[in-house]
Amino acid sequence: MPEEVRGFFKRLGRKLGRAREAWDAMYAAYKAEEPAKAEAFERLLARDVPADLETALPAFEVGKGIATRASSGMVLNAVASRVPCLVGGSADLAPSNNTYIKGGGDIRRGEFSGRNFHFGVREHAMGSVMNGLALHGGFRPYGGTFLVFSDYMRPPIRLAAMMGLPAVYVFTHDSIFVGEDGPTHQPIEQIAALRAIPNLDVVRPADANETACAWLHALRRSGGPTALCLTRQNLATLDRARYAPAEGVYQGAYVLSDDPAPWDWILAGSGSEVHLCLEAAEILRREGARIRVVSMPCWELFLRQDAAYQASVFPAGARCAAVETGVRMGWERFAGKDGVYLTIERFGASAPFKKLAEEFGFTAQNLAAELTRAK
């Protein structure tokens, strides 16, 4: 290195050292004068998430139909006051994604005191801005769009996963049940593509309470990003007095409903298809079958559990049916070569979502019939 360059860096180092000393002295004085504000500032820089954040969650009425995109918005607004570092928005889809923090104010030119970003229809830029906020520190960024448009922001998602950034992606309209918007807006391969990214947790909750747990997981995760895949259509809020607690989300997959072993079938699904599994299980039980239903919102979390837990959910030798409104790719590791697969290997179609369910075979009657034939 030339001597003049070496000298430049030495002078720069001395200046930076003096600047740091001045900052430390100024902050020490500020902390002595305003201890509460200084503590809040330090919590913000640390991206602090309260240990008791569950106490801020809304209560969801059992049996009431609510889209997981809507329950996500309720959870976001419920926890926002307790997590001041949480900021974000959507790619011009805030009313559809339910990503607006009410009363949080807007970020606009020359005004940066708000919490809501209006990113515009530019998913790639949104993901890049989120990465910048996360790298800066002091922020927990989130950004929303339709799941099918996650393709537009794949490079910044990949970089967030590579750099271990705690970004949260709110991907709504997560299946063919988008309906009349048609195949251009109906994701088929997107969930599988997201699951292929290392260090990205992809969570597809089955009801409002699983959605709340998914948000808590995303906010508590510090070593990488999380993608929430949420429905447009309403899903009944499951009765947790009848079924296992939604906190099973934190293990990635859990036994939701069970009969004594041995089982004729283990029905495993994610998101809206968990309800389909539960309905099909009741049909099969009336025919004398023994059924276990597994809610599987997050493969990545499940695969981080120990072998004993994984085997307790999917015991060796038990036949499994995998149910998801997307491509089959990847489900083989859980359902195996002898499994039954109710998935989609083509693009969608434009029709009301109930008509699409019938056309693509995503009905309890069809699933039960498929399993009866395969027995």
Protein backbone atom coordinates (compact mmCIF):
# COMPACT_ATOMS: atom_id res chain seq x y z
CA MET A 1 0.00 0.00 0.00
CA PRO A 2 1.44 3.42 -0.95
CA GLU A 3 2.55 5.54 2.00
CA GLU A 4 0.10 8.35 1.18
CA VAL A 5 -2.82 5.88 1.24
CA ARG A 6 -1.60 4.38 4.53
CA GLY A 7 -1.38 7.86 5.97
CA PHE A 8 -4.90 8.70 4.83
CA PHE A 9 -6.35 5.70 6.65
CA LYS A 10 -4.40 6.51 9.80
CA ARG A 11 -5.79 10.06 9.81
CA LEU A 12 -9.29 8.73 9.11
CA GLY A 13 -8.99 6.27 11.97
CA ARG A 14 -7.99 9.04 14.39
CA LYS A 15 -10.93 11.19 13.28
CA LEU A 16 -13.38 8.32 13.67
CA GLY A 17 -11.97 7.55 17.11
CA ARG A 18 -12.46 11.17 18.22
CA ALA A 19 -15.99 11.18 16.76
CA ARG A 20 -16.84 8.01 18.69
CA GLU A 21 -15.49 9.48 21.90
CA ALA A 22 -17.58 12.62 21.37
CA TRP A 23 -20.69 10.53 20.66
CA ASP A 24 -20.16 8.38 23.74
CA ALA A 25 -19.78 11.44 25.93
CA MET A 26 -22.87 13.09 24.44
CA TYR A 27 -24.96 9.93 24.82
CA ALA A 28 -23.81 9.43 28.41
CA ALA A 29 -24.99 12.95 29.22
CA TYR A 30 -28.30 12.36 27.43
CA LYS A 31 -28.81 9.06 29.26
CA ALA A 32 -28.26 10.74 32.61
CA GLU A 33 -30.75 13.48 31.72
CA GLU A 34 -33.38 11.29 29.96
CA PRO A 35 -32.99 7.72 31.29
CA ALA A 36 -36.44 6.52 30.13
CA LYS A 37 -35.97 7.79 26.59
CA ALA A 38 -32.45 6.37 26.45
CA GLU A 39 -33.76 2.97 27.55
CA ALA A 40 -36.44 3.10 24.85
CA PHE A 41 -33.79 4.02 22.27
CA GLU A 42 -31.59 1.10 23.32
CA ARG A 43 -34.54 -1.30 23.15
CA LEU A 44 -35.29 -0.02 19.67
CA LEU A 45 -31.72 -0.57 18.50
CA ALA A 46 -31.81 -4.08 19.97
CA ARG A 47 -35.09 -4.81 18.11
CA ASP A 48 -36.49 -5.89 21.45
CA VAL A 49 -39.58 -8.11 21.40
CA PRO A 50 -41.35 -8.43 24.78
CA ALA A 51 -41.24 -11.90 26.28
CA ASP A 52 -44.94 -11.68 27.12
CA LEU A 53 -46.07 -10.55 23.67
CA GLU A 54 -48.75 -13.27 23.71
CA THR A 55 -50.72 -11.12 26.13
CA ALA A 56 -51.23 -8.51 23.39
CA LEU A 57 -52.80 -10.94 20.91
CA PRO A 58 -56.47 -10.58 19.99
CA ALA A 59 -59.00 -13.28 20.89
CA PHE A 60 -60.64 -15.07 17.98
CA GLU A 61 -64.15 -16.47 18.19
CA VAL A 62 -64.27 -20.25 17.78
CA GLY A 63 -65.98 -21.28 14.57
CA LYS A 64 -66.03 -17.80 13.08
CA GLY A 65 -64.77 -17.61 9.53
CA ILE A 66 -61.90 -15.20 9.02
CA ALA A 67 -59.26 -15.13 6.30
CA THR A 68 -55.75 -15.53 7.62
CA ARG A 69 -54.80 -12.32 5.79
CA ALA A 70 -57.41 -10.56 7.96
CA SER A 71 -56.35 -12.19 11.22
CA SER A 72 -52.75 -11.32 10.30
CA GLY A 73 -53.72 -7.66 10.07
CA MET A 74 -55.42 -7.88 13.46
CA VAL A 75 -52.34 -9.44 15.02
CA LEU A 76 -50.05 -6.86 13.40
CA ASN A 77 -52.05 -3.99 14.86
CA ALA A 78 -52.36 -5.67 18.24
CA VAL A 79 -48.59 -6.10 18.68
CA ALA A 80 -47.46 -2.87 16.98
CA SER A 81 -47.63 -0.77 20.14
CA ARG A 82 -45.52 -3.35 22.00
CA VAL A 83 -42.93 -3.66 19.22
CA PRO A 84 -42.05 -0.06 18.23
CA CYS A 85 -39.26 -1.24 15.91
CA LEU A 86 -41.87 -2.87 13.64
CA VAL A 87 -42.25 -0.91 10.38
CA GLY A 88 -43.40 -1.84 6.91
CA GLY A 89 -46.03 -1.74 4.23
CA SER A 90 -46.91 -3.39 0.97
CA ALA A 91 -46.43 -3.19 -2.77
CA ASP A 92 -49.51 -0.99 -3.26
CA LEU A 93 -51.77 -3.68 -1.73
CA ALA A 94 -52.19 -2.59 1.88
CA PRO A 95 -56.00 -3.03 1.96
CA SER A 96 -55.68 -6.54 0.47
CA ASN A 97 -52.61 -7.57 2.45
CA ASN A 98 -53.87 -6.00 5.70
CA THR A 99 -50.43 -4.57 6.37
CA TYR A 100 -51.30 -1.05 7.54
CA ILE A 101 -50.50 -0.10 11.16
CA LYS A 102 -53.46 2.04 12.17
CA GLY A 103 -52.42 5.35 13.68
CA GLY A 104 -48.82 4.64 12.78
CA GLY A 105 -48.46 7.48 10.30
CA ASP A 106 -46.99 7.30 6.82
CA ILE A 107 -43.46 7.59 5.50
CA ARG A 108 -43.37 10.24 2.80
CA ARG A 109 -40.89 12.67 1.27
CA GLY A 110 -39.36 14.71 4.07
CA GLU A 111 -41.42 12.95 6.75
CA PHE A 112 -39.93 9.90 8.44
CA SER A 113 -41.72 9.72 11.78
CA GLY A 114 -44.36 7.26 10.54
CA ARG A 115 -44.31 3.46 10.43
CA ASN A 116 -46.15 2.73 7.17
CA PHE A 117 -44.30 2.57 3.86
CA HIS A 118 -46.06 2.96 0.52
CA PHE A 119 -43.63 0.96 -1.59
CA GLY A 120 -45.64 1.11 -4.81
CA VAL A 121 -45.87 -1.74 -7.31
CA ARG A 122 -42.20 -2.65 -7.05
CA GLU A 123 -41.71 -5.85 -5.06
CA HIS A 124 -37.99 -6.15 -5.82
CA ALA A 125 -37.34 -2.63 -4.50
CA MET A 126 -39.55 -3.30 -1.47
CA GLY A 127 -37.48 -6.35 -0.55
CA SER A 128 -34.27 -4.39 -1.02
CA VAL A 129 -35.49 -1.54 1.20
CA MET A 130 -36.45 -4.10 3.85
CA ASN A 131 -32.93 -5.52 3.70
CA GLY A 132 -31.46 -2.06 4.14
CA LEU A 133 -33.66 -1.36 7.16
CA ALA A 134 -32.73 -4.68 8.74
CA LEU A 135 -29.01 -4.15 8.09
CA HIS A 136 -29.13 -0.66 9.57
CA GLY A 137 -30.49 -2.00 12.83
CA GLY A 138 -33.25 -0.69 15.05
CA PHE A 139 -36.03 -1.90 12.73
CA ARG A 140 -38.04 -5.09 12.20
CA PRO A 141 -39.22 -4.59 8.61
CA TYR A 142 -42.17 -6.34 6.98
CA GLY A 143 -43.54 -6.12 3.46
CA GLY A 144 -46.64 -7.48 1.79
CA THR A 145 -47.80 -8.57 -1.64
CA PHE A 146 -49.72 -11.45 -3.24
CA LEU A 147 -47.89 -14.76 -2.94
CA VAL A 148 -47.68 -15.18 -6.71
CA PHE A 149 -45.65 -11.96 -6.88
CA SER A 150 -43.02 -13.26 -4.49
CA ASP A 151 -41.16 -14.20 -7.68
CA TYR A 152 -40.52 -10.51 -8.33
CA MET A 153 -38.66 -10.11 -5.02
CA ARG A 154 -36.85 -13.43 -4.92
CA PRO A 155 -33.33 -11.91 -5.14
CA PRO A 156 -33.72 -9.71 -2.01
CA ILE A 157 -35.44 -12.58 -0.18
CA ARG A 158 -32.48 -14.81 -1.01
CA LEU A 159 -30.05 -12.15 0.18
CA ALA A 160 -32.00 -11.68 3.43
CA ALA A 161 -31.78 -15.42 4.03
CA MET A 162 -28.07 -15.41 3.17
CA MET A 163 -27.35 -12.51 5.53
CA GLY A 164 -29.62 -13.74 8.32
CA LEU A 165 -31.86 -10.65 8.30
CA PRO A 166 -35.08 -10.75 10.37
CA ALA A 167 -37.45 -9.56 7.64
CA VAL A 168 -41.10 -10.65 7.52
CA TYR A 169 -42.87 -11.21 4.21
CA VAL A 170 -46.67 -11.08 4.27
CA PHE A 171 -47.78 -13.07 1.22
CA THR A 172 -51.55 -13.18 0.84
CA HIS A 173 -53.90 -14.78 -1.72
CA ASP A 174 -51.96 -17.98 -1.23
CA SER A 175 -53.70 -20.49 -3.53
CA ILE A 176 -56.02 -21.10 -6.46
CA PHE A 177 -58.78 -20.00 -4.11
CA VAL A 178 -57.97 -16.45 -5.13
CA GLY A 179 -60.78 -17.33 -7.54
CA GLU A 180 -61.80 -15.19 -10.49
CA ASP A 181 -58.43 -13.40 -10.72
CA GLY A 182 -57.41 -16.48 -12.65
CA PRO A 183 -54.16 -18.40 -13.22
CA THR A 184 -51.94 -15.31 -13.50
CA HIS A 185 -52.70 -14.51 -9.85
CA GLN A 186 -53.04 -18.07 -8.53
CA PRO A 187 -49.79 -19.39 -7.01
CA ILE A 188 -48.93 -23.00 -7.82
CA GLU A 189 -45.15 -23.36 -7.55
CA GLN A 190 -44.38 -20.34 -5.35
CA ILE A 191 -44.54 -22.05 -1.94
CA ALA A 192 -42.22 -24.83 -3.13
CA ALA A 193 -39.87 -22.21 -4.59
CA LEU A 194 -39.76 -20.32 -1.31
CA ARG A 195 -39.17 -23.52 0.65
CA ALA A 196 -36.13 -24.14 -1.55
CA ILE A 197 -34.36 -21.05 -0.15
CA PRO A 198 -32.05 -22.00 2.75
CA ASN A 199 -32.66 -20.18 6.05
CA LEU A 200 -36.11 -18.90 5.03
CA ASP A 201 -38.96 -20.06 7.27
CA VAL A 202 -42.13 -20.45 5.19
CA VAL A 203 -45.24 -20.51 7.41
CA ARG A 204 -48.74 -21.27 6.09
CA PRO A 205 -51.14 -21.13 9.05
CA ALA A 206 -54.46 -22.98 9.16
CA ASP A 207 -56.55 -20.50 11.14
CA ALA A 208 -56.45 -17.22 13.06
CA ASN A 209 -54.71 -18.66 16.11
CA GLU A 210 -52.01 -20.35 14.02
CA THR A 211 -51.57 -16.99 12.28
CA ALA A 212 -50.96 -15.29 15.63
CA CYS A 213 -48.32 -17.90 16.50
CA ALA A 214 -46.75 -17.49 13.06
CA TRP A 215 -46.35 -13.75 13.67
CA LEU A 216 -44.83 -14.35 17.10
CA HIS A 217 -42.35 -16.79 15.60
CA ALA A 218 -41.42 -14.30 12.88
CA LEU A 219 -40.91 -11.46 15.37
CA ARG A 220 -38.84 -13.58 17.74
CA ARG A 221 -36.66 -14.98 15.01
CA SER A 222 -33.38 -13.08 14.81
CA GLY A 223 -31.29 -15.23 12.46
CA GLY A 224 -33.24 -15.06 9.23
CA PRO A 225 -36.40 -14.02 7.39
CA THR A 226 -39.89 -15.49 7.61
CA ALA A 227 -42.56 -15.73 4.90
CA LEU A 228 -46.20 -15.83 6.00
CA CYS A 229 -48.50 -17.37 3.37
CA LEU A 230 -52.09 -16.29 4.02
CA THR A 231 -55.53 -16.93 2.59
CA ARG A 232 -57.92 -14.64 0.79
CA GLN A 233 -60.93 -16.83 1.70
CA ASN A 234 -62.36 -17.22 5.20
CA LEU A 235 -61.32 -20.17 7.36
CA ALA A 236 -63.17 -21.27 10.48
CA THR A 237 -61.31 -20.63 13.74
CA LEU A 238 -60.63 -24.10 15.15
CA ASP A 239 -61.94 -25.09 18.58
CA ARG A 240 -58.75 -25.63 20.56
CA ALA A 241 -60.71 -27.38 23.32
CA ARG A 242 -61.34 -30.09 20.73
CA TYR A 243 -58.08 -29.88 18.83
CA ALA A 244 -54.46 -29.43 19.91
CA PRO A 245 -53.24 -25.92 20.85
CA ALA A 246 -52.09 -23.63 18.06
CA GLU A 247 -48.71 -23.28 19.78
CA GLY A 248 -47.79 -26.44 17.90
CA VAL A 249 -46.83 -23.99 15.14
CA TYR A 250 -43.55 -23.45 16.99
CA GLN A 251 -42.59 -27.08 16.21
CA GLY A 252 -43.46 -26.61 12.55
CA ALA A 253 -45.87 -29.56 12.49
CA TYR A 254 -48.04 -31.07 15.19
CA VAL A 255 -50.78 -33.63 15.74
CA LEU A 256 -54.02 -31.71 15.55
CA SER A 257 -56.53 -34.55 15.82
CA ASP A 258 -55.81 -38.18 16.66
CA ASP A 259 -57.20 -41.67 17.01
CA PRO A 260 -55.44 -44.51 18.85
CA ALA A 261 -52.73 -46.28 16.85
CA PRO A 262 -52.46 -48.05 14.50
CA TRP A 263 -53.66 -45.49 11.99
CA ASP A 264 -55.10 -46.23 8.59
CA TRP A 265 -53.93 -42.81 7.44
CA ILE A 266 -52.05 -39.75 8.59
CA LEU A 267 -53.50 -36.73 6.82
CA ALA A 268 -50.98 -33.88 6.65
CA GLY A 269 -51.74 -30.46 5.24
CA SER A 270 -50.96 -26.79 5.53
CA GLY A 271 -53.11 -23.67 5.57
CA SER A 272 -56.66 -24.00 4.29
CA GLU A 273 -56.14 -27.66 3.45
CA VAL A 274 -55.92 -28.55 7.16
CA HIS A 275 -59.67 -27.97 7.32
CA LEU A 276 -60.11 -30.30 4.36
CA CYS A 277 -58.09 -32.96 6.20
CA LEU A 278 -60.25 -32.60 9.31
CA GLU A 279 -63.46 -32.95 7.28
CA ALA A 280 -62.16 -35.97 5.37
CA ALA A 281 -61.04 -37.55 8.65
CA GLU A 282 -64.61 -37.42 9.99
CA ILE A 283 -65.93 -39.11 6.85
CA LEU A 284 -63.32 -41.88 7.12
CA ARG A 285 -63.93 -42.33 10.85
CA ARG A 286 -67.60 -42.94 10.17
CA GLU A 287 -66.44 -45.77 7.92
CA GLY A 288 -64.39 -47.24 10.77
CA ALA A 289 -60.96 -45.89 9.88
CA ARG A 290 -58.41 -44.64 12.39
CA ILE A 291 -57.04 -41.27 11.37
CA ARG A 292 -54.41 -38.82 12.55
CA VAL A 293 -54.52 -35.24 11.24
CA VAL A 294 -51.30 -33.23 11.22
CA SER A 295 -51.18 -29.47 10.74
CA MET A 296 -47.89 -28.67 9.04
CA PRO A 297 -47.52 -24.90 8.79
CA CYS A 298 -43.71 -24.75 8.54
CA TRP A 299 -41.47 -27.49 7.14
CA GLU A 300 -38.31 -25.65 8.15
CA LEU A 301 -39.27 -25.47 11.81
CA PHE A 302 -40.31 -29.12 11.82
CA LEU A 303 -37.01 -30.23 10.30
CA ARG A 304 -35.17 -28.33 13.05
CA GLN A 305 -36.85 -30.51 15.69
CA ASP A 306 -35.04 -33.57 16.98
CA ALA A 307 -35.54 -36.97 15.37
CA ALA A 308 -37.67 -38.21 18.27
CA TYR A 309 -40.22 -35.43 17.84
CA GLN A 310 -40.33 -35.89 14.07
CA ALA A 311 -40.93 -39.61 14.51
CA SER A 312 -43.68 -38.93 17.05
CA VAL A 313 -45.60 -36.95 14.42
CA PHE A 314 -44.86 -39.23 11.45
CA PRO A 315 -44.18 -42.71 12.90
CA ALA A 316 -42.31 -45.13 10.67
CA GLY A 317 -44.60 -47.41 8.70
CA ALA A 318 -47.70 -45.22 8.90
CA ARG A 319 -49.25 -44.34 5.55
CA CYS A 320 -49.56 -40.65 4.88
CA ALA A 321 -51.58 -38.39 2.62
CA ALA A 322 -50.17 -34.94 1.81
CA VAL A 323 -52.70 -32.24 0.94
CA GLU A 324 -51.75 -28.80 -0.38
CA THR A 325 -53.00 -26.50 -3.14
CA GLY A 326 -49.62 -26.35 -4.81
CA VAL A 327 -47.07 -28.58 -6.46
CA ARG A 328 -46.22 -31.88 -4.83
CA MET A 329 -42.47 -31.25 -4.88
CA GLY A 330 -40.93 -31.79 -1.44
CA TRP A 331 -43.86 -33.53 0.23
CA GLU A 332 -42.25 -36.89 -0.58
CA ARG A 333 -39.86 -36.52 2.35
CA PHE A 334 -42.86 -36.70 4.70
CA ALA A 335 -45.45 -38.85 2.90
CA GLY A 336 -42.98 -41.23 1.21
CA LYS A 337 -43.29 -43.32 -1.93
CA ASP A 338 -46.42 -45.07 -0.68
CA GLY A 339 -48.20 -41.85 0.17
CA VAL A 340 -51.25 -40.33 -1.44
CA TYR A 341 -50.89 -36.80 -2.79
CA LEU A 342 -53.65 -34.28 -3.34
CA THR A 343 -51.70 -31.44 -4.95
CA ILE A 344 -51.79 -29.37 -8.17
CA GLU A 345 -49.47 -30.04 -11.10
CA ARG A 346 -50.95 -27.50 -13.54
CA PHE A 347 -51.92 -23.84 -13.54
CA GLY A 348 -55.21 -22.70 -12.08
CA ALA A 349 -58.38 -21.36 -13.68
CA SER A 350 -60.76 -18.45 -13.33
CA ALA A 351 -63.84 -19.38 -11.29
CA PRO A 352 -65.36 -18.92 -7.82
CA PHE A 353 -63.17 -20.65 -5.25
CA LYS A 354 -65.79 -23.28 -4.34
CA LYS A 355 -66.07 -24.24 -8.00
CA LEU A 356 -62.28 -24.48 -8.21
CA ALA A 357 -62.22 -26.75 -5.16
CA GLU A 358 -64.58 -29.14 -6.91
CA GLU A 359 -62.73 -28.95 -10.22
CA PHE A 360 -59.33 -29.67 -8.67
CA GLY A 361 -60.62 -32.29 -6.24
CA PHE A 362 -60.05 -30.30 -3.06
CA THR A 363 -63.17 -31.55 -1.29
CA ALA A 364 -63.47 -33.74 1.78
CA GLN A 365 -65.56 -36.26 -0.15
CA ASN A 366 -62.96 -36.60 -2.90
CA LEU A 367 -60.05 -36.91 -0.47
CA ALA A 368 -61.88 -39.55 1.56
CA ALA A 369 -62.72 -41.47 -1.62
CA GLU A 370 -59.11 -41.32 -2.82
CA LEU A 371 -57.88 -42.75 0.47
CA THR A 372 -60.53 -45.47 0.52
CA ARG A 373 -59.45 -46.57 -2.97
CA ALA A 374 -55.76 -46.47 -2.01
CA LYS A 375 -56.15 -48.51 1.18
